[in-house]
N, C-alpha and C. Protein backbone atom coordinates (compact mmCIF):
# COMPACT_ATOMS: atom_id res chain seq x y z
N UNK A 1 110.60 20.31 117.32
CA UNK A 1 109.06 20.22 116.31
C UNK A 1 108.88 21.79 115.80
N UNK A 2 109.15 22.80 116.85
CA UNK A 2 109.00 24.20 116.27
C UNK A 2 109.90 24.38 115.13
N UNK A 3 111.38 23.95 115.15
CA UNK A 3 111.73 24.18 113.87
C UNK A 3 111.46 23.58 112.67
N UNK A 4 110.99 22.29 113.00
CA UNK A 4 110.26 21.58 111.65
C UNK A 4 109.22 22.60 111.11
N UNK A 5 108.37 22.97 112.04
CA UNK A 5 107.28 23.86 111.81
C UNK A 5 107.62 25.10 110.74
N UNK A 6 108.77 25.74 111.70
CA UNK A 6 109.24 26.83 110.86
C UNK A 6 109.84 26.65 109.43
N UNK A 7 110.55 25.57 109.39
CA UNK A 7 111.13 25.30 107.87
C UNK A 7 110.08 24.90 106.96
N UNK A 8 109.25 24.26 107.53
CA UNK A 8 108.27 23.97 106.38
C UNK A 8 107.06 24.90 106.24
N UNK A 9 106.57 25.52 106.94
CA UNK A 9 105.29 26.56 106.81
C UNK A 9 105.32 27.36 105.78
N UNK A 10 104.43 27.85 104.72
CA UNK A 10 104.39 28.86 103.84
C UNK A 10 103.71 30.06 104.37
N UNK A 11 104.42 31.04 104.26
CA UNK A 11 103.85 32.37 105.15
C UNK A 11 102.96 32.87 104.01
N UNK A 12 101.89 33.60 104.27
CA UNK A 12 101.17 33.99 103.07
C UNK A 12 101.61 35.15 102.69
N UNK A 13 101.42 35.63 101.35
CA UNK A 13 102.00 36.77 100.74
C UNK A 13 101.11 38.02 100.99
N UNK A 14 99.86 37.81 101.42
CA UNK A 14 98.93 38.95 101.63
C UNK A 14 98.33 39.11 103.28
N UNK A 15 99.64 39.23 103.79
CA UNK A 15 99.57 39.59 105.61
C UNK A 15 98.96 41.28 105.25
N UNK A 16 98.09 41.37 106.49
CA UNK A 16 97.52 42.78 106.32
C UNK A 16 98.64 43.35 107.04
N UNK A 17 99.45 42.96 107.89
CA UNK A 17 100.63 43.74 108.21
C UNK A 17 102.01 43.47 108.11
N UNK A 18 102.74 43.98 108.37
CA UNK A 18 104.06 43.17 108.38
C UNK A 18 104.49 42.13 109.37
N UNK A 19 103.87 42.12 110.59
CA UNK A 19 104.31 41.50 111.68
C UNK A 19 103.14 40.46 112.21
N UNK A 20 103.49 39.08 112.41
CA UNK A 20 102.71 38.20 113.30
C UNK A 20 103.53 37.93 114.30
N UNK A 21 102.87 38.10 115.62
CA UNK A 21 103.40 37.76 117.06
C UNK A 21 102.12 37.31 117.65
N UNK A 22 102.03 35.81 117.73
CA UNK A 22 100.82 35.40 118.33
C UNK A 22 101.25 33.72 118.81
N UNK A 23 100.01 33.24 119.35
CA UNK A 23 100.44 31.87 119.90
C UNK A 23 99.23 30.83 119.18
N UNK A 24 99.58 29.91 118.67
CA UNK A 24 98.36 29.06 118.39
C UNK A 24 98.34 27.77 119.27
N UNK A 25 97.00 27.61 119.73
CA UNK A 25 96.91 26.51 120.83
C UNK A 25 95.93 25.47 119.97
N UNK A 26 96.44 24.13 120.18
CA UNK A 26 95.90 23.17 119.51
C UNK A 26 95.83 22.05 120.53
N UNK A 27 94.63 21.47 120.63
CA UNK A 27 94.36 20.39 121.42
C UNK A 27 94.44 19.15 120.55
N UNK A 28 94.80 17.85 120.75
CA UNK A 28 95.06 16.90 120.03
C UNK A 28 95.18 15.70 120.74
N UNK A 29 94.84 14.21 120.40
CA UNK A 29 95.08 13.00 120.78
C UNK A 29 96.16 12.42 120.21
N UNK A 30 97.23 11.81 121.16
CA UNK A 30 98.16 10.99 120.36
C UNK A 30 97.64 9.57 120.33
N UNK A 31 97.77 9.05 119.51
CA UNK A 31 97.11 7.51 119.81
C UNK A 31 98.19 6.63 119.58
N UNK A 32 97.73 5.13 119.89
CA UNK A 32 98.75 4.29 120.46
C UNK A 32 99.79 3.86 119.28
N UNK A 33 99.44 4.25 118.33
CA UNK A 33 100.26 3.94 116.68
C UNK A 33 101.04 5.35 116.37
N UNK A 34 101.12 6.19 117.19
CA UNK A 34 101.74 7.62 117.19
C UNK A 34 101.44 8.44 116.23
N UNK A 35 100.18 8.34 115.48
CA UNK A 35 99.39 9.10 115.06
C UNK A 35 98.57 10.34 115.47
N UNK A 36 98.16 11.32 115.03
CA UNK A 36 97.09 12.03 116.09
C UNK A 36 95.58 12.00 115.33
N UNK A 37 94.90 12.59 116.28
CA UNK A 37 93.54 12.59 115.93
C UNK A 37 92.56 13.50 116.74
N UNK A 38 91.44 13.83 116.66
CA UNK A 38 90.89 14.58 117.31
C UNK A 38 91.54 15.84 117.53
N UNK A 39 91.75 16.75 116.50
CA UNK A 39 92.25 18.10 116.57
C UNK A 39 91.28 19.20 116.63
N UNK A 40 91.42 19.98 117.63
CA UNK A 40 90.77 21.22 118.12
C UNK A 40 91.66 22.20 117.92
N UNK A 41 91.28 23.30 117.31
CA UNK A 41 92.04 24.74 117.52
C UNK A 41 91.30 25.33 118.97
N UNK A 42 92.20 25.64 119.71
CA UNK A 42 91.90 26.43 121.14
C UNK A 42 92.24 28.01 120.83
N UNK A 43 92.89 28.40 120.10
CA UNK A 43 93.38 29.80 119.66
C UNK A 43 94.11 29.69 118.29
N UNK A 44 93.55 30.22 117.52
CA UNK A 44 93.83 30.47 116.04
C UNK A 44 94.80 31.66 115.85
N UNK A 45 95.47 31.92 114.86
CA UNK A 45 96.44 33.11 114.22
C UNK A 45 95.70 33.60 113.23
N UNK A 46 95.16 32.78 112.57
CA UNK A 46 94.59 33.27 111.16
C UNK A 46 95.30 33.26 109.89
N UNK A 47 94.90 33.52 108.68
CA UNK A 47 95.81 33.81 107.64
C UNK A 47 96.08 32.39 107.10
N UNK A 48 95.38 31.20 107.57
CA UNK A 48 95.47 29.92 107.15
C UNK A 48 96.85 29.39 107.78
N UNK A 49 97.50 29.61 108.63
CA UNK A 49 98.51 29.35 109.24
C UNK A 49 98.30 28.45 110.20
N UNK A 50 96.94 28.32 110.82
CA UNK A 50 96.65 27.18 111.69
C UNK A 50 96.42 25.70 111.14
N UNK A 51 95.84 26.01 109.94
CA UNK A 51 95.73 24.61 109.20
C UNK A 51 96.89 24.03 108.68
N UNK A 52 98.01 24.97 108.50
CA UNK A 52 99.13 24.63 107.86
C UNK A 52 99.83 23.69 109.10
N UNK A 53 99.80 24.33 110.03
CA UNK A 53 100.57 23.45 111.35
C UNK A 53 99.74 22.15 111.62
N UNK A 54 98.62 22.07 111.41
CA UNK A 54 97.77 20.76 111.71
C UNK A 54 98.45 19.92 110.42
N UNK A 55 98.40 20.32 109.28
CA UNK A 55 98.87 19.46 108.29
C UNK A 55 100.23 19.15 108.38
N UNK A 56 101.28 20.11 108.89
CA UNK A 56 102.66 19.45 109.21
C UNK A 56 102.63 18.48 110.32
N UNK A 57 101.69 18.75 111.34
CA UNK A 57 101.66 17.98 112.54
C UNK A 57 101.33 16.47 112.27
N UNK A 58 100.14 16.37 110.96
CA UNK A 58 100.00 15.08 110.64
C UNK A 58 100.99 14.43 110.15
N UNK A 59 102.07 14.83 109.61
CA UNK A 59 103.00 14.22 109.02
C UNK A 59 104.03 13.75 110.07
N UNK A 60 104.19 14.09 111.20
CA UNK A 60 105.07 13.69 112.16
C UNK A 60 104.50 12.37 113.21
N UNK A 61 105.25 11.76 113.53
CA UNK A 61 105.10 10.70 114.58
C UNK A 61 105.22 11.23 115.79
N UNK A 62 104.25 11.11 116.73
CA UNK A 62 104.34 11.45 118.40
C UNK A 62 104.52 10.20 118.87
N UNK A 63 105.47 10.08 120.20
CA UNK A 63 105.69 9.29 120.98
C UNK A 63 104.28 8.86 121.94
N UNK A 64 103.78 7.91 121.89
CA UNK A 64 102.66 7.70 122.77
C UNK A 64 103.01 7.81 124.41
N UNK A 65 102.10 8.07 125.02
CA UNK A 65 102.17 7.92 126.32
C UNK A 65 102.03 6.46 126.92
N UNK A 66 102.75 6.26 128.02
CA UNK A 66 102.84 4.73 128.49
C UNK A 66 102.32 4.73 129.95
N UNK A 67 101.71 3.71 130.00
CA UNK A 67 101.08 3.45 131.67
C UNK A 67 101.11 1.88 131.81
N UNK A 68 101.92 1.39 132.84
CA UNK A 68 102.19 0.25 133.16
C UNK A 68 102.80 -0.49 131.96
N UNK A 69 103.77 0.10 131.28
CA UNK A 69 104.46 -0.49 130.04
C UNK A 69 103.30 -0.75 128.92
N UNK A 70 102.38 -0.09 128.80
CA UNK A 70 101.56 -0.24 127.86
C UNK A 70 100.92 0.92 127.21
N UNK A 71 101.54 1.22 125.53
CA UNK A 71 101.29 2.51 125.23
C UNK A 71 99.55 2.88 125.10
N UNK A 72 99.24 4.23 125.70
CA UNK A 72 97.91 4.58 125.63
C UNK A 72 97.50 5.86 124.88
N UNK A 73 96.43 5.96 124.54
CA UNK A 73 95.83 7.42 123.96
C UNK A 73 95.98 8.63 124.96
N UNK A 74 96.73 9.44 124.41
CA UNK A 74 96.68 10.95 125.35
C UNK A 74 96.30 12.05 124.77
N UNK A 75 95.57 12.88 125.42
CA UNK A 75 95.26 14.09 124.83
C UNK A 75 96.45 15.13 125.43
N UNK A 76 96.92 15.80 124.24
CA UNK A 76 97.73 16.97 124.71
C UNK A 76 97.46 18.28 124.18
N UNK A 77 98.00 19.48 124.54
CA UNK A 77 97.55 20.80 124.28
C UNK A 77 98.99 21.34 123.93
N UNK A 78 99.02 21.69 122.48
CA UNK A 78 100.09 22.45 121.99
C UNK A 78 100.23 24.21 121.83
N UNK A 79 100.97 24.89 122.70
CA UNK A 79 101.00 26.23 122.09
C UNK A 79 102.27 26.51 121.51
N UNK A 80 101.98 27.15 120.31
CA UNK A 80 103.11 27.19 119.46
C UNK A 80 103.35 28.47 118.98
N UNK A 81 104.35 29.19 119.18
CA UNK A 81 104.71 30.49 119.04
C UNK A 81 104.78 30.97 117.46
N UNK A 82 104.03 31.83 116.97
CA UNK A 82 104.08 31.90 115.61
C UNK A 82 104.65 33.67 115.29
N UNK A 83 105.92 33.65 114.84
CA UNK A 83 106.28 34.85 114.83
C UNK A 83 106.84 35.19 113.27
N UNK A 84 106.46 36.13 112.73
CA UNK A 84 106.87 36.39 111.32
C UNK A 84 107.09 37.95 111.20
N UNK A 85 107.89 38.42 110.41
CA UNK A 85 108.16 39.92 110.13
C UNK A 85 108.57 39.86 108.55
N UNK A 86 107.60 40.58 108.06
CA UNK A 86 107.72 40.62 106.41
C UNK A 86 108.96 41.67 106.22
N UNK A 87 109.71 40.72 105.31
CA UNK A 87 110.88 41.40 104.82
C UNK A 87 110.96 42.33 103.73
């Protein structure tokens, strides 16, 4: 998933510095149909990167949790390392 995010994210051209080294933390619910909802930013990186991460995650399908052989809605917290060095 991290590879997918890094391959598809568009880094902003107006970064204040040359380096970003941070972690984006996002809470979300994975529904039984493999889509996500109830997205909450727990820790933002800024520069519009957090919003891009969420949009990319919405395009992916997740495997729902299973209890007693039945798919159930489950909350997960993602810690996504965000590292960028301006070239």
